[in-house]
Protein backbone atom coordinates (compact mmCIF):
# COMPACT_ATOMS: atom_id res chain seq x y z
CA MET A 1 22.92 -30.43 44.51
CA ALA A 2 22.58 -28.76 41.13
CA GLY A 3 22.29 -25.03 41.19
CA ASN A 4 20.10 -22.94 38.97
CA GLY A 5 22.42 -23.95 36.14
CA ARG A 6 23.24 -20.44 35.04
CA GLN A 7 26.79 -20.25 36.40
CA GLY A 8 27.56 -23.92 35.70
CA ASP A 9 26.13 -23.79 32.17
CA GLN A 10 28.72 -21.20 31.11
CA ARG A 11 31.56 -23.67 31.73
CA LEU A 12 29.69 -26.69 30.44
CA THR A 13 31.17 -28.26 27.31
CA LYS A 14 30.43 -31.51 25.53
CA ASP A 15 33.95 -32.79 26.25
CA GLY A 16 33.57 -31.90 29.93
CA ILE A 17 30.25 -33.73 30.06
CA LEU A 18 31.73 -36.81 28.38
CA LEU A 19 34.76 -36.88 30.67
CA SER A 20 32.58 -36.58 33.76
CA ALA A 21 30.32 -39.37 32.47
CA LEU A 22 33.38 -41.54 31.84
CA ARG A 23 34.55 -41.00 35.43
CA ILE A 24 31.18 -42.18 36.73
CA ILE A 25 31.18 -45.21 34.41
CA ASP A 26 34.76 -46.16 35.32
CA ALA A 27 34.04 -45.89 39.04
CA GLU A 28 30.54 -47.36 39.27
CA GLY A 29 29.44 -48.80 35.94
CA VAL A 30 27.05 -47.78 33.18
CA ALA A 31 23.97 -48.43 35.33
CA ALA A 32 25.09 -45.69 37.74
CA LEU A 33 25.07 -43.08 34.99
CA SER A 34 21.96 -40.97 34.59
CA MET A 35 21.47 -37.46 33.32
CA ARG A 36 20.43 -36.37 36.81
CA ARG A 37 23.50 -37.96 38.43
CA LEU A 38 25.80 -36.46 35.81
CA ALA A 39 24.27 -33.01 36.27
CA ALA A 40 24.74 -33.28 40.04
CA ASP A 41 28.41 -34.21 39.58
CA LEU A 42 28.88 -31.25 37.25
CA GLY A 43 26.91 -28.89 39.51
CA VAL A 44 24.45 -27.91 36.78
CA ASN A 45 20.76 -28.19 36.08
CA PRO A 46 20.01 -31.54 34.39
CA MET A 47 18.26 -29.78 31.53
CA SER A 48 21.54 -28.02 30.68
CA LEU A 49 23.01 -31.33 29.55
CA TYR A 50 20.45 -31.62 26.78
CA HIS A 51 22.02 -28.63 25.03
CA HIS A 52 25.06 -30.85 24.44
CA VAL A 53 23.69 -34.42 24.24
CA ASP A 54 20.25 -35.61 23.15
CA ASN A 55 19.77 -38.40 25.69
CA LYS A 56 21.56 -41.10 27.67
CA ALA A 57 22.08 -43.26 24.56
CA ALA A 58 23.80 -40.36 22.80
CA LEU A 59 25.82 -39.70 25.94
CA LEU A 60 27.03 -43.31 26.05
CA ASP A 61 27.86 -43.21 22.36
CA GLY A 62 29.81 -40.00 22.92
CA VAL A 63 31.74 -41.50 25.83
CA THR A 64 32.57 -44.59 23.77
CA ARG A 65 33.79 -42.42 20.89
CA LEU A 66 35.83 -40.30 23.33
CA VAL A 67 37.63 -43.42 24.55
CA THR A 68 38.17 -44.96 21.13
CA ASP A 69 39.23 -41.63 19.64
CA GLY A 70 41.79 -41.49 22.43
CA ALA A 71 43.52 -44.29 20.54
CA ARG A 72 44.53 -41.90 17.76
CA HIS A 73 48.14 -42.17 18.93
CA ILE A 74 48.15 -45.79 17.81
CA MET A 75 49.95 -45.86 14.52
CA VAL A 76 51.72 -48.46 12.51
CA ALA A 77 55.23 -48.34 13.89
CA GLU A 78 58.55 -49.87 13.01
CA GLY A 79 59.10 -53.60 13.19
CA THR A 80 57.77 -56.61 11.41
CA TRP A 81 54.08 -56.81 10.66
CA GLN A 82 53.85 -59.46 13.40
CA GLU A 83 55.31 -57.03 15.95
CA GLN A 84 52.99 -54.30 14.72
CA LEU A 85 49.92 -56.53 14.96
CA ARG A 86 50.93 -57.67 18.44
CA ARG A 87 51.45 -54.05 19.56
CA LEU A 88 48.07 -53.06 18.13
CA ALA A 89 46.31 -55.93 19.93
CA TYR A 90 47.94 -54.98 23.23
CA GLU A 91 47.03 -51.31 22.76
CA PHE A 92 43.42 -52.35 22.24
CA ARG A 93 43.68 -54.50 25.36
CA SER A 94 45.11 -51.62 27.44
CA LEU A 95 42.31 -49.35 26.31
CA SER A 96 39.72 -52.00 27.20
CA LEU A 97 41.17 -52.79 30.62
CA ALA A 98 41.42 -49.09 31.50
CA HIS A 99 37.67 -48.71 30.97
CA ARG A 100 36.23 -52.15 31.85
CA ASN A 101 32.73 -50.92 32.68
CA LEU A 102 32.41 -48.97 29.45
CA ILE A 103 33.86 -51.80 27.37
CA ARG A 104 31.32 -54.28 28.77
CA HIS A 105 28.60 -51.95 27.55
CA ALA A 106 30.29 -51.00 24.27
CA PHE A 107 30.97 -54.56 23.16
CA ALA A 108 27.22 -55.14 23.28
CA SER A 109 26.80 -52.46 20.59
CA ASP A 110 26.90 -53.48 16.95
CA ASP A 111 28.89 -50.42 15.91
CA PHE A 112 31.66 -50.42 18.53
CA ILE A 113 34.35 -50.93 15.92
CA ARG A 114 34.07 -48.36 13.18
CA SER A 115 35.88 -48.43 9.89
CA ASP A 116 36.78 -44.76 10.23
CA GLY A 117 38.51 -45.23 13.59
CA PRO A 118 42.26 -45.04 14.19
CA MET A 119 42.61 -48.64 15.34
CA TRP A 120 40.78 -49.93 12.27
CA ARG A 121 42.98 -47.90 9.91
CA SER A 122 46.11 -49.12 11.70
CA LEU A 123 44.92 -52.72 11.59
CA CYS A 124 44.29 -52.55 7.84
CA ALA A 125 47.69 -50.93 7.27
CA VAL A 126 49.38 -53.78 9.18
CA LEU A 127 47.49 -56.39 7.16
CA ARG A 128 48.59 -54.72 3.93
CA THR A 129 52.19 -54.74 5.20
CA ALA A 130 51.80 -58.45 5.95
CA GLY A 131 51.11 -59.04 2.27
CA LEU A 132 47.41 -59.83 2.27
CA LEU A 133 45.66 -59.24 -1.01
CA GLU A 134 43.77 -55.94 -0.95
CA SER A 135 40.51 -57.84 -1.44
CA GLU A 136 41.23 -59.73 1.81
CA VAL A 137 42.33 -56.81 4.02
CA GLU A 138 39.00 -55.49 5.27
CA ARG A 139 37.36 -58.89 5.65
CA THR A 140 40.35 -60.24 7.59
CA GLY A 141 40.52 -57.03 9.63
CA ALA A 142 36.85 -57.34 10.56
CA VAL A 143 37.28 -60.94 11.70
CA LEU A 144 40.40 -60.09 13.72
CA ALA A 145 38.68 -57.11 15.36
CA VAL A 146 35.70 -59.25 16.34
CA LEU A 147 37.89 -62.07 17.65
CA VAL A 148 40.07 -59.74 19.75
CA GLY A 149 36.99 -57.84 20.91
CA GLY A 150 35.35 -61.08 22.03
CA LEU A 151 38.50 -62.18 23.79
CA LEU A 152 38.74 -58.86 25.61
CA HIS A 153 35.09 -59.10 26.55
CA THR A 154 35.77 -62.45 28.24
CA GLU A 155 38.70 -60.87 30.02
CA VAL A 156 36.83 -57.84 31.38
CA ASN A 157 33.88 -59.93 32.51
CA GLY A 158 36.09 -62.56 34.19
CA THR A 159 35.29 -65.53 31.95
CA MET A 160 38.90 -66.07 30.86
CA GLY A 161 40.11 -66.27 34.45
CA ARG A 162 37.28 -68.61 35.40
CA LEU A 163 38.00 -70.97 32.51
CA ILE A 164 41.79 -71.20 32.68
CA GLY A 165 42.50 -70.07 36.23
CA VAL A 166 43.11 -66.82 38.05
CA GLY A 167 46.35 -64.90 38.33
CA GLU A 168 48.22 -64.62 35.08
CA ALA A 169 45.50 -66.45 33.15
CA ASP A 170 44.31 -63.37 31.30
CA ASP A 171 47.84 -62.39 30.25
CA ALA A 172 48.70 -65.92 29.15
CA GLY A 173 45.37 -66.41 27.42
CA PHE A 174 45.64 -63.11 25.57
CA ALA A 175 49.25 -63.79 24.53
CA LEU A 176 48.28 -67.21 23.18
CA ALA A 177 45.30 -65.77 21.30
CA VAL A 178 47.44 -63.06 19.68
CA ASP A 179 50.03 -65.67 18.65
CA LEU A 180 47.27 -67.80 17.10
CA LEU A 181 45.87 -64.78 15.24
CA ILE A 182 49.31 -63.86 13.91
CA ASP A 183 49.85 -67.46 12.78
CA GLY A 184 46.48 -67.35 11.04
CA VAL A 185 47.31 -64.13 9.20
CA ALA A 186 50.69 -65.56 8.17
CA ALA A 187 48.94 -68.64 6.78
CA ARG A 188 46.48 -66.45 4.84
CA CYS A 189 49.37 -64.43 3.41
CA GLU A 190 51.09 -67.64 2.21
CA VAL A 191 47.89 -68.76 0.49
CA SER A 192 47.36 -65.40 -1.20
CA SER A 193 50.97 -64.88 -2.33
CA PRO A 194 51.69 -65.76 -5.97
């Protein structure tokens, strides 16, 4: 039960609120998250949360940003552009599978992938390394992000396994999709090279 909020409010931070909300979402889903439930988990008065987040929509946006900002370690690394693109796709997959409940919700949002995010910047850097014309980089990056996002959405909601079988279906399906995307980028690079 939440106390009078006074003692709890002193230790309350936006990051702490977001992390606690993420724990609830990961364990029970987005529907289980409410300001009252979150306040009870934190041991504070529900009204105290509103000093840090405006409402549940802002809370969910903050949690999504917390997770995607956690991908800041993803950088263009050594290797061919194909290896870099594959690594980036699998990092995005790991992030999605670690937070399935949040990802189901986030993929429904029209601004889940932001052009100022670390994964987007890395993706564009890889596409430049591949040799795409600069005028093609962002458009191709947007299409790739949407395709991989859609594929991951089918994986977290179980559609991939249902369509091609359970077990290793998701791994095999994802690997095939990444290979097809890499082949597509390679073909685009051949077309755009002088």
